[in-house]
Amino acid sequence: MQKITSFFWHCSGADMELLKKCPTESSKYVGIGATIFFTGLFAALSGAYALYTVFDSILASIVFGLVWGLMIFNLDRYIVSSMRKEGRFGRELTLAIPRILLAVIISIVIAKPLELKVFDKEIQPELIVMEQEAYARQEQELRSRFEPSLDSLKSAVQALKTEILIKTQKRDELVRIAQEEADGTGGSRRRNLGPIYKVKKANADAAEQELLQLTMANQKRIEALESTIAKTDSNMAAQLNALEKSKINGMAARMEALSRITTNSDAVTWAHWFIILLFVAIETAPVFVKLISSKGPYDNLLKIVEHGFVAKEIEETAQTNAHTKERTMNLPQHEKNYVGNSLDAELSS
């Protein structure tokens, strides 16, 4: 038990020799040290998972997680250990604000990868939807490259067929008129094969000949265009078959999926904020404990020790200055004045 206590004391950044003299402060610094330790542990897990989603390497993620966790642990330890209790809450709060802001930023960075892991089951279906959307966009982009050309070719084929159809209708109309003239059901209403019929029959034959020529010419053009259409269709189909559904599973994609889920679900939104606030509370807890706790025996001892170092520094500086004045007694007056002024300025500072 003593080893665990000493370990958490060390994690808190406190002077262990001074803490041993203050048994009433033991539990407070054990709690602070434990919070800092577990924050570093969460940071290690968070960093390892974040790197694993990027590189899919267990070894690299473990190494990075340990380095990241140690860095956050050391930073938290420094933030807490650098705070001093002076018994003046306003001043202490002013000095603590930058530390609190830094702790909030760290907590958000730590929370995000762990939050992605917590919502992993909800994120996976959304990733599949995102993959399908990405594939649909790629397919649409590919089709948009071919469809204008295909539409133009098909329009040209349809125009040629329409031209043949119009010519056929005109020929059929002339044949009908000639036939009606021959049987007396139309035209002059005389049933004979006279000159009027011959004229109409000649018109029908000319239309037939024109239709035959037009059909032969257009058919060749239609066959060429349809061959081009078939090749374009085949090329587009080959490229569509070559498209692969890209696997979306990276860190950014997971964050995007979580953002979409959060937007569409109030429950996930509340859970998201609860997780963020939980980590903010954990990360800022040591700072607030130091801030709101009263000045204790450990703080008094620490102040005495630090004051002792300051006093010793002043004493040694004064002794050095005295020796320097003795050595300068034999110097010319203007040099004595210069050295004396320099020493007085240093002492006053």
Protein backbone atom coordinates (compact mmCIF):
# COMPACT_ATOMS: atom_id res chain seq x y z
CA MET A 1 0.00 0.00 0.00
CA GLN A 2 2.86 2.38 0.83
CA LYS A 3 4.36 1.76 -2.62
CA ILE A 4 1.08 2.71 -4.29
CA THR A 5 0.85 5.84 -2.13
CA SER A 6 4.42 6.81 -2.99
CA PHE A 7 3.74 6.19 -6.67
CA PHE A 8 0.72 8.51 -6.70
CA TRP A 9 2.65 11.10 -4.69
CA HIS A 10 5.27 11.03 -7.41
CA CYS A 11 2.55 11.36 -10.06
CA SER A 12 1.19 14.45 -8.33
CA GLY A 13 4.56 16.19 -8.66
CA ALA A 14 4.79 16.79 -4.91
CA ASP A 15 8.03 16.63 -2.87
CA MET A 16 7.82 13.22 -1.22
CA GLU A 17 10.12 14.10 1.67
CA LEU A 18 7.96 17.07 2.58
CA LEU A 19 4.76 15.04 2.21
CA LYS A 20 6.03 12.47 4.67
CA LYS A 21 6.12 15.26 7.24
CA CYS A 22 2.46 16.14 6.50
CA PRO A 23 0.34 12.99 6.97
CA THR A 24 -2.89 14.98 6.76
CA GLU A 25 -2.06 15.95 3.17
CA SER A 26 -1.40 12.38 2.03
CA SER A 27 -4.87 11.50 0.74
CA LYS A 28 -5.22 14.79 -1.16
CA TYR A 29 -2.04 14.28 -3.14
CA VAL A 30 -2.78 10.58 -3.63
CA GLY A 31 -6.05 11.62 -5.28
CA ILE A 32 -4.34 14.28 -7.40
CA GLY A 33 -1.62 11.84 -8.46
CA ALA A 34 -4.15 9.11 -9.29
CA THR A 35 -6.16 11.52 -11.45
CA ILE A 36 -3.03 12.60 -13.32
CA PHE A 37 -1.95 8.98 -13.80
CA PHE A 38 -5.28 7.82 -15.17
CA THR A 39 -5.49 10.86 -17.41
CA GLY A 40 -2.15 9.84 -18.89
CA LEU A 41 -3.43 6.26 -19.23
CA PHE A 42 -6.55 7.42 -21.07
CA ALA A 43 -4.33 9.58 -23.28
CA ALA A 44 -2.17 6.55 -24.13
CA LEU A 45 -5.23 4.47 -25.07
CA SER A 46 -6.67 7.37 -27.06
CA GLY A 47 -3.45 8.01 -28.98
CA ALA A 48 -2.90 4.32 -29.70
CA TYR A 49 -6.42 3.86 -31.05
CA ALA A 50 -6.18 7.04 -33.15
CA LEU A 51 -2.93 5.91 -34.78
CA TYR A 52 -4.26 2.38 -35.32
CA THR A 53 -7.21 3.72 -37.31
CA VAL A 54 -4.73 5.54 -39.57
CA PHE A 55 -1.92 2.99 -40.11
CA ASP A 56 -3.46 -0.34 -38.98
CA SER A 57 -0.19 -1.16 -37.22
CA ILE A 58 -0.41 -2.55 -33.69
CA LEU A 59 3.29 -2.00 -32.89
CA ALA A 60 3.33 1.59 -34.15
CA SER A 61 0.08 2.39 -32.34
CA ILE A 62 1.42 0.98 -29.04
CA VAL A 63 4.66 2.96 -29.29
CA PHE A 64 2.84 6.16 -30.20
CA GLY A 65 0.26 5.58 -27.46
CA LEU A 66 2.97 5.21 -24.81
CA VAL A 67 4.81 8.33 -26.00
CA TRP A 68 1.58 10.34 -26.18
CA GLY A 69 0.43 9.14 -22.77
CA LEU A 70 3.79 9.97 -21.14
CA MET A 71 3.75 13.42 -22.73
CA ILE A 72 0.24 14.18 -21.43
CA PHE A 73 1.13 12.70 -18.03
CA ASN A 74 4.23 14.88 -17.76
CA LEU A 75 2.34 17.97 -18.92
CA ASP A 76 -0.48 17.43 -16.39
CA ARG A 77 2.07 16.77 -13.65
CA TYR A 78 3.84 20.01 -14.44
CA ILE A 79 0.57 21.99 -14.58
CA VAL A 80 -0.45 20.83 -11.11
CA SER A 81 2.98 20.92 -9.44
CA SER A 82 3.68 24.45 -10.69
CA MET A 83 0.65 25.85 -8.82
CA ARG A 84 1.41 27.43 -5.44
CA LYS A 85 -1.02 28.12 -2.61
CA GLU A 86 -0.67 31.67 -1.30
CA GLY A 87 -3.98 32.08 0.51
CA ARG A 88 -5.19 34.66 -2.03
CA PHE A 89 -7.92 33.07 -4.14
CA GLY A 90 -8.21 35.87 -6.70
CA ARG A 91 -4.53 35.79 -7.57
CA GLU A 92 -4.48 31.99 -7.60
CA LEU A 93 -7.51 31.90 -9.93
CA THR A 94 -5.86 34.37 -12.32
CA LEU A 95 -2.74 32.22 -12.46
CA ALA A 96 -4.82 29.04 -12.84
CA ILE A 97 -6.91 30.20 -15.84
CA PRO A 98 -4.21 29.44 -18.49
CA ARG A 99 -3.67 26.03 -16.87
CA ILE A 100 -7.41 25.33 -16.91
CA LEU A 101 -7.69 26.31 -20.59
CA LEU A 102 -4.76 24.07 -21.44
CA ALA A 103 -6.34 21.22 -19.47
CA VAL A 104 -9.63 21.67 -21.37
CA ILE A 105 -7.82 21.52 -24.73
CA ILE A 106 -5.96 18.37 -23.67
CA SER A 107 -9.17 16.72 -22.47
CA ILE A 108 -10.91 17.34 -25.82
CA VAL A 109 -7.95 15.91 -27.73
CA ILE A 110 -7.92 12.83 -25.49
CA ALA A 111 -11.70 12.35 -25.58
CA LYS A 112 -12.21 12.37 -29.34
CA PRO A 113 -10.53 9.02 -30.26
CA LEU A 114 -12.08 7.30 -27.23
CA GLU A 115 -15.45 8.76 -28.19
CA LEU A 116 -15.04 7.26 -31.67
CA LYS A 117 -14.43 3.88 -30.05
CA VAL A 118 -17.46 4.23 -27.78
CA PHE A 119 -19.73 4.90 -30.76
CA ASP A 120 -18.01 2.37 -33.03
CA LYS A 121 -21.16 0.25 -33.53
CA GLU A 122 -23.13 3.32 -34.59
CA ILE A 123 -20.31 4.59 -36.80
CA GLN A 124 -19.84 1.36 -38.82
CA PRO A 125 -23.26 1.50 -40.60
CA GLU A 126 -22.73 5.19 -41.34
CA LEU A 127 -19.34 4.38 -42.87
CA ILE A 128 -21.06 1.90 -45.20
CA VAL A 129 -23.51 4.63 -46.26
CA MET A 130 -20.59 6.99 -46.86
CA GLU A 131 -18.85 4.31 -48.98
CA GLN A 132 -22.00 3.89 -51.07
CA GLU A 133 -22.32 7.65 -51.49
CA ALA A 134 -18.67 7.89 -52.56
CA TYR A 135 -19.17 5.06 -55.08
CA ALA A 136 -22.32 6.73 -56.43
CA ARG A 137 -20.42 10.00 -56.87
CA GLN A 138 -17.62 8.22 -58.74
CA GLU A 139 -20.15 6.42 -60.94
CA GLN A 140 -21.99 9.65 -61.69
CA GLU A 141 -18.73 11.45 -62.52
CA LEU A 142 -17.76 8.60 -64.86
CA ARG A 143 -21.14 8.58 -66.58
CA SER A 144 -21.04 12.36 -66.98
CA ARG A 145 -17.87 11.95 -69.06
CA PHE A 146 -19.59 9.63 -71.57
CA GLU A 147 -23.26 10.60 -71.54
CA PRO A 148 -22.96 13.90 -73.50
CA SER A 149 -21.18 12.10 -76.33
CA LEU A 150 -23.68 9.21 -76.26
CA ASP A 151 -26.63 11.60 -76.26
CA SER A 152 -25.19 13.43 -79.25
CA LEU A 153 -24.64 10.20 -81.19
CA LYS A 154 -28.12 8.88 -80.37
CA SER A 155 -29.65 12.20 -81.42
CA ALA A 156 -27.84 11.97 -84.75
CA VAL A 157 -29.13 8.40 -85.30
CA GLN A 158 -32.66 9.47 -84.44
CA ALA A 159 -32.44 12.42 -86.85
CA LEU A 160 -31.38 10.10 -89.71
CA LYS A 161 -34.21 7.66 -88.93
CA THR A 162 -36.69 10.52 -88.76
CA GLU A 163 -35.51 11.73 -92.15
CA ILE A 164 -36.15 8.26 -93.61
CA LEU A 165 -39.55 8.11 -91.95
CA ILE A 166 -40.59 11.49 -93.35
CA LYS A 167 -39.43 10.42 -96.83
CA THR A 168 -41.33 7.13 -96.49
CA GLN A 169 -44.51 8.93 -95.52
CA LYS A 170 -44.17 11.24 -98.50
CA ARG A 171 -43.66 8.24 -100.83
CA ASP A 172 -46.65 6.44 -99.35
CA GLU A 173 -48.79 9.52 -99.84
CA LEU A 174 -47.81 9.81 -103.54
CA VAL A 175 -48.45 6.09 -104.10
CA ARG A 176 -51.87 6.45 -102.49
CA ILE A 177 -52.73 9.42 -104.70
CA ALA A 178 -51.68 7.54 -107.85
CA GLN A 179 -53.64 4.47 -106.78
CA GLU A 180 -56.79 6.52 -106.14
CA GLU A 181 -56.40 8.13 -109.55
CA ALA A 182 -56.16 4.66 -111.13
CA ASP A 183 -59.26 3.19 -109.49
CA GLY A 184 -61.33 6.39 -109.65
CA THR A 185 -61.69 6.84 -105.88
CA GLY A 186 -59.80 10.11 -105.86
CA GLY A 187 -58.28 12.81 -108.03
CA SER A 188 -60.28 13.23 -111.28
CA ARG A 189 -62.75 10.50 -110.19
CA ARG A 190 -62.29 8.75 -113.55
CA ARG A 191 -61.31 5.14 -113.56
CA ASN A 192 -58.59 4.96 -116.18
CA LEU A 193 -54.86 4.98 -116.66
CA GLY A 194 -54.77 8.27 -118.49
CA PRO A 195 -52.13 10.97 -118.49
CA ILE A 196 -53.06 12.27 -115.03
CA TYR A 197 -52.44 8.86 -113.55
CA LYS A 198 -49.13 8.61 -115.39
CA VAL A 199 -47.97 11.92 -113.90
CA LYS A 200 -48.94 10.87 -110.40
CA LYS A 201 -47.39 7.46 -110.92
CA ALA A 202 -44.17 9.12 -112.08
CA ASN A 203 -44.15 11.27 -108.92
CA ALA A 204 -44.64 8.18 -106.78
CA ASP A 205 -41.83 6.34 -108.59
CA ALA A 206 -39.51 9.34 -108.19
CA ALA A 207 -40.32 9.45 -104.46
CA GLU A 208 -39.63 5.71 -104.24
CA GLN A 209 -36.25 6.19 -105.88
CA GLU A 210 -35.37 9.09 -103.63
CA LEU A 211 -36.41 7.01 -100.61
CA LEU A 212 -34.24 4.13 -101.72
CA GLN A 213 -31.20 6.38 -102.17
CA LEU A 214 -31.82 8.18 -98.88
CA THR A 215 -32.32 4.90 -97.03
CA MET A 216 -29.06 3.47 -98.37
CA ALA A 217 -27.08 6.62 -97.52
CA ASN A 218 -28.59 7.11 -94.07
CA GLN A 219 -28.35 3.43 -93.21
CA LYS A 220 -24.58 3.52 -93.69
CA ARG A 221 -24.33 6.57 -91.46
CA ILE A 222 -26.63 4.97 -88.88
CA GLU A 223 -24.54 1.80 -88.81
CA ALA A 224 -21.36 3.85 -88.28
CA LEU A 225 -22.95 5.88 -85.51
CA GLU A 226 -24.40 2.80 -83.80
CA SER A 227 -20.99 1.14 -83.94
CA THR A 228 -19.51 4.20 -82.22
CA ILE A 229 -22.30 4.11 -79.64
CA ALA A 230 -21.64 0.43 -78.97
CA LYS A 231 -17.92 1.07 -78.48
CA THR A 232 -18.61 4.01 -76.16
CA ASP A 233 -21.10 1.95 -74.15
CA SER A 234 -18.61 -0.88 -73.91
CA ASN A 235 -15.85 1.48 -72.77
CA MET A 236 -18.11 3.07 -70.16
CA ALA A 237 -19.26 -0.35 -68.90
CA ALA A 238 -15.65 -1.53 -68.62
CA GLN A 239 -14.69 1.53 -66.57
CA LEU A 240 -17.78 1.14 -64.38
CA ASN A 241 -16.85 -2.47 -63.70
CA ALA A 242 -13.32 -1.36 -62.86
CA LEU A 243 -14.63 0.98 -60.19
CA GLU A 244 -14.05 -0.36 -56.70
CA LYS A 245 -15.84 0.66 -53.56
CA SER A 246 -13.09 2.32 -51.58
CA LYS A 247 -12.91 1.24 -47.94
CA ILE A 248 -13.59 4.26 -45.76
CA ASN A 249 -12.26 3.60 -42.28
CA GLY A 250 -9.81 6.38 -41.44
CA MET A 251 -9.79 8.83 -38.56
CA ALA A 252 -11.28 11.70 -40.57
CA ALA A 253 -13.99 9.46 -42.02
CA ARG A 254 -14.96 8.23 -38.56
CA MET A 255 -15.15 11.80 -37.29
CA GLU A 256 -17.34 12.73 -40.26
CA ALA A 257 -19.57 9.71 -39.59
CA LEU A 258 -19.86 10.66 -35.91
CA SER A 259 -20.73 14.23 -36.88
CA ARG A 260 -23.52 13.00 -39.17
CA ILE A 261 -24.86 10.66 -36.49
CA THR A 262 -24.75 13.45 -33.92
CA THR A 263 -26.68 15.74 -36.26
CA ASN A 264 -29.41 13.16 -36.83
CA SER A 265 -29.74 11.79 -33.28
CA ASP A 266 -30.43 13.77 -30.12
CA ALA A 267 -29.44 10.77 -27.99
CA VAL A 268 -26.00 10.57 -29.58
CA THR A 269 -25.65 14.34 -29.27
CA TRP A 270 -26.27 14.19 -25.53
CA ALA A 271 -23.94 11.22 -25.14
CA HIS A 272 -21.28 13.08 -27.13
CA TRP A 273 -21.42 16.08 -24.81
CA PHE A 274 -21.48 13.90 -21.71
CA ILE A 275 -18.26 12.19 -22.79
CA ILE A 276 -16.57 15.50 -23.58
CA LEU A 277 -17.63 17.00 -20.24
CA LEU A 278 -16.53 13.86 -18.40
CA PHE A 279 -13.01 14.11 -19.78
CA VAL A 280 -12.92 17.86 -19.19
CA ALA A 281 -13.89 17.22 -15.55
CA ILE A 282 -11.23 14.51 -15.18
CA GLU A 283 -8.51 16.61 -16.77
CA THR A 284 -9.27 19.80 -14.86
CA ALA A 285 -9.97 18.06 -11.52
CA PRO A 286 -6.37 18.24 -10.20
CA VAL A 287 -6.15 21.94 -11.04
CA PHE A 288 -9.46 22.71 -9.33
CA VAL A 289 -8.51 20.58 -6.30
CA LYS A 290 -5.35 22.62 -5.87
CA LEU A 291 -7.28 25.83 -6.51
CA ILE A 292 -10.21 25.35 -4.11
CA SER A 293 -8.34 23.51 -1.35
CA SER A 294 -7.17 25.55 1.61
CA LYS A 295 -3.53 26.22 2.25
CA GLY A 296 -2.20 23.21 4.14
CA PRO A 297 0.92 22.11 6.02
CA TYR A 298 2.59 20.91 2.83
CA ASP A 299 2.16 24.30 1.19
CA ASN A 300 3.67 26.01 4.27
CA LEU A 301 6.65 23.65 4.30
CA LEU A 302 7.16 24.08 0.57
CA LYS A 303 7.10 27.86 0.95
CA ILE A 304 9.65 27.67 3.80
CA VAL A 305 11.97 25.49 1.72
CA GLU A 306 11.67 27.73 -1.35
CA HIS A 307 12.13 30.83 0.80
CA GLY A 308 15.25 29.23 2.26
CA PHE A 309 16.74 28.92 -1.22
CA VAL A 310 15.88 32.55 -1.97
CA ALA A 311 17.40 33.71 1.33
CA LYS A 312 20.51 31.65 0.72
CA GLU A 313 20.85 33.16 -2.75
CA ILE A 314 20.57 36.68 -1.31
CA GLU A 315 23.09 35.85 1.43
CA GLU A 316 25.63 34.40 -0.99
CA THR A 317 25.16 37.35 -3.33
CA ALA A 318 25.76 39.78 -0.46
CA GLN A 319 28.92 37.92 0.59
CA THR A 320 30.21 37.95 -2.97
CA ASN A 321 29.56 41.68 -3.25
CA ALA A 322 31.38 42.31 0.09
CA HIS A 323 34.43 40.38 -1.08
CA THR A 324 34.36 42.28 -4.33
CA LYS A 325 34.36 45.63 -2.48
CA GLU A 326 37.34 44.54 -0.37
CA ARG A 327 39.30 43.60 -3.50
CA THR A 328 38.55 46.95 -5.10
CA MET A 329 39.86 49.09 -2.21
CA ASN A 330 43.15 49.67 -3.99
CA LEU A 331 41.58 50.68 -7.30
CA PRO A 332 41.45 54.30 -8.50
CA GLN A 333 38.53 56.35 -7.23
CA HIS A 334 36.58 56.41 -10.51
CA GLU A 335 36.76 52.62 -10.80
CA LYS A 336 35.68 52.25 -7.13
CA ASN A 337 32.65 54.41 -7.85
CA TYR A 338 31.73 52.33 -10.92
CA VAL A 339 32.01 49.01 -9.06
CA GLY A 340 30.14 50.38 -6.03
CA ASN A 341 27.27 51.67 -8.12
CA SER A 342 27.03 48.33 -9.94
CA LEU A 343 26.91 46.38 -6.66
CA ASP A 344 24.32 48.71 -5.14
CA ALA A 345 22.12 48.36 -8.22
CA GLU A 346 22.40 44.56 -8.08
CA LEU A 347 21.53 44.47 -4.35
CA SER A 348 18.55 46.75 -4.80
CA SER A 349 17.21 44.53 -7.58
